[in-house]
Amino acid sequence: MDNNRVYKMLFSKVYPLLVNKAERKGRTKAEVDTIICWLTGYTEEKLAEQIQKNVDYETFFKEAPQINPNAALIKGVICGYRVEEIEDPLMQKVRWLDKLIDELARGKKMQKILRS
């Protein structure tokens, strides 16, 4: 998939997909929000605001208050790519989020997902 297409995807359209993926596996929207806030530094209120404003992925990550310093500890394969080897910083953030939600859906404990 072309990176620009990914960057222009509306976060408000992607977000319910992330929540559905987690909920199908018995996890919760609250856990998804916790992961997103951990990764991006958004508060729950600011996260809701971004969804409300219909920002695209690029804007969502560009306006993120602070990417968690432990995000560099996120390793593994998502969509056929090793997340730690992705060179485009924005695509790496998108894939980090995918990877964390994937771990949630696979039943990993929150403390491991949040690299604490």
Protein backbone atom coordinates (compact mmCIF):
# COMPACT_ATOMS: atom_id res chain seq x y z
CA MET A 1 0.00 0.00 0.00
CA ASP A 2 1.22 3.45 -0.92
CA ASN A 3 2.41 5.38 2.17
CA ASN A 4 0.55 8.54 1.15
CA ARG A 5 -2.72 6.61 1.06
CA VAL A 6 -2.08 5.41 4.59
CA TYR A 7 -1.18 8.92 5.80
CA LYS A 8 -4.37 10.38 4.35
CA MET A 9 -6.64 7.76 5.94
CA LEU A 10 -8.90 9.43 8.46
CA PHE A 11 -8.02 8.41 11.99
CA SER A 12 -11.75 8.53 12.82
CA LYS A 13 -12.25 5.71 10.27
CA VAL A 14 -9.28 3.63 11.48
CA TYR A 15 -10.05 3.99 15.19
CA PRO A 16 -13.28 1.89 15.18
CA LEU A 17 -11.38 -0.84 13.29
CA LEU A 18 -8.72 -0.89 16.02
CA VAL A 19 -11.43 -1.08 18.70
CA ASN A 20 -13.32 -3.84 16.82
CA LYS A 21 -10.15 -5.91 16.42
CA ALA A 22 -9.58 -5.75 20.19
CA GLU A 23 -13.23 -6.32 21.15
CA ARG A 24 -13.54 -9.38 18.88
CA LYS A 25 -10.83 -10.94 21.04
CA GLY A 26 -12.45 -10.01 24.35
CA ARG A 27 -10.45 -6.84 24.98
CA THR A 28 -11.92 -3.37 25.55
CA LYS A 29 -12.12 0.08 23.96
CA ALA A 30 -10.61 1.43 27.20
CA GLU A 31 -7.53 -0.76 26.65
CA VAL A 32 -7.22 0.48 23.05
CA ASP A 33 -7.45 4.09 24.32
CA THR A 34 -4.81 3.38 26.97
CA ILE A 35 -2.45 2.04 24.30
CA ILE A 36 -3.04 4.97 21.95
CA CYS A 37 -2.54 7.50 24.77
CA TRP A 38 0.61 5.67 25.95
CA LEU A 39 2.10 5.74 22.44
CA THR A 40 1.15 9.31 21.49
CA GLY A 41 0.93 11.28 24.73
CA TYR A 42 -2.67 12.31 23.99
CA THR A 43 -5.03 12.50 26.96
CA GLU A 44 -8.35 10.70 26.52
CA GLU A 45 -10.02 14.09 25.93
CA LYS A 46 -7.47 15.10 23.25
CA LEU A 47 -7.78 11.67 21.62
CA ALA A 48 -11.56 12.12 21.42
CA GLU A 49 -10.99 15.61 19.99
CA GLN A 50 -8.73 14.26 17.22
CA ILE A 51 -11.35 11.65 16.31
CA GLN A 52 -14.04 14.35 16.33
CA LYS A 53 -11.96 16.65 14.09
CA ASN A 54 -11.60 13.88 11.47
CA VAL A 55 -7.83 14.32 11.19
CA ASP A 56 -5.84 12.02 8.93
CA TYR A 57 -3.15 9.66 10.25
CA GLU A 58 -0.39 12.11 9.30
CA THR A 59 -1.97 14.95 11.31
CA PHE A 60 -2.84 12.60 14.16
CA PHE A 61 0.81 11.66 14.65
CA LYS A 62 2.18 15.12 13.79
CA GLU A 63 0.01 16.68 16.53
CA ALA A 64 0.75 13.93 19.06
CA PRO A 65 2.04 15.62 22.24
CA GLN A 66 4.91 13.16 22.80
CA ILE A 67 5.71 9.78 21.31
CA ASN A 68 6.55 7.50 24.22
CA PRO A 69 10.33 7.13 24.58
CA ASN A 70 9.79 3.38 25.11
CA ALA A 71 8.18 3.08 21.67
CA ALA A 72 11.65 2.15 20.39
CA LEU A 73 11.23 -1.09 22.36
CA ILE A 74 8.35 -2.15 20.07
CA LYS A 75 9.74 -4.93 17.91
CA GLY A 76 8.37 -7.62 15.66
CA VAL A 77 6.56 -8.12 12.38
CA ILE A 78 3.34 -6.43 11.31
CA CYS A 79 1.95 -6.57 7.75
CA GLY A 80 5.15 -8.35 6.67
CA TYR A 81 7.49 -5.61 7.93
CA ARG A 82 9.79 -5.60 10.96
CA VAL A 83 8.63 -2.45 12.78
CA GLU A 84 12.09 -1.69 14.13
CA GLU A 85 13.48 -1.57 10.56
CA ILE A 86 10.91 0.80 9.01
CA GLU A 87 12.84 3.88 7.91
CA ASP A 88 9.97 6.32 7.34
CA PRO A 89 9.32 7.77 10.84
CA LEU A 90 5.61 8.35 10.21
CA MET A 91 5.03 4.86 8.80
CA GLN A 92 6.93 3.43 11.75
CA LYS A 93 4.52 5.17 14.16
CA VAL A 94 1.52 3.85 12.23
CA ARG A 95 2.96 0.31 12.36
CA TRP A 96 3.84 0.65 16.06
CA LEU A 97 0.18 1.34 16.75
CA ASP A 98 -0.86 -1.64 14.59
CA LYS A 99 1.62 -3.85 16.43
CA LEU A 100 0.42 -2.80 19.89
CA ILE A 101 -3.24 -3.40 19.02
CA ASP A 102 -2.25 -6.74 17.50
CA GLU A 103 -0.53 -7.71 20.77
CA LEU A 104 -3.66 -6.67 22.68
CA ALA A 105 -5.87 -8.79 20.43
CA ARG A 106 -3.51 -11.74 20.88
CA GLY A 107 -4.04 -11.59 24.64
CA LYS A 108 -0.77 -10.06 25.82
CA LYS A 109 -0.87 -8.44 29.25
CA MET A 110 -1.16 -4.62 29.21
CA GLN A 111 2.04 -4.22 31.22
CA LYS A 112 3.99 -6.07 28.50
CA ILE A 113 2.25 -4.19 25.68
CA LEU A 114 3.13 -0.85 27.32
CA ARG A 115 6.76 -1.95 27.61
CA SER A 116 6.87 -1.38 31.36
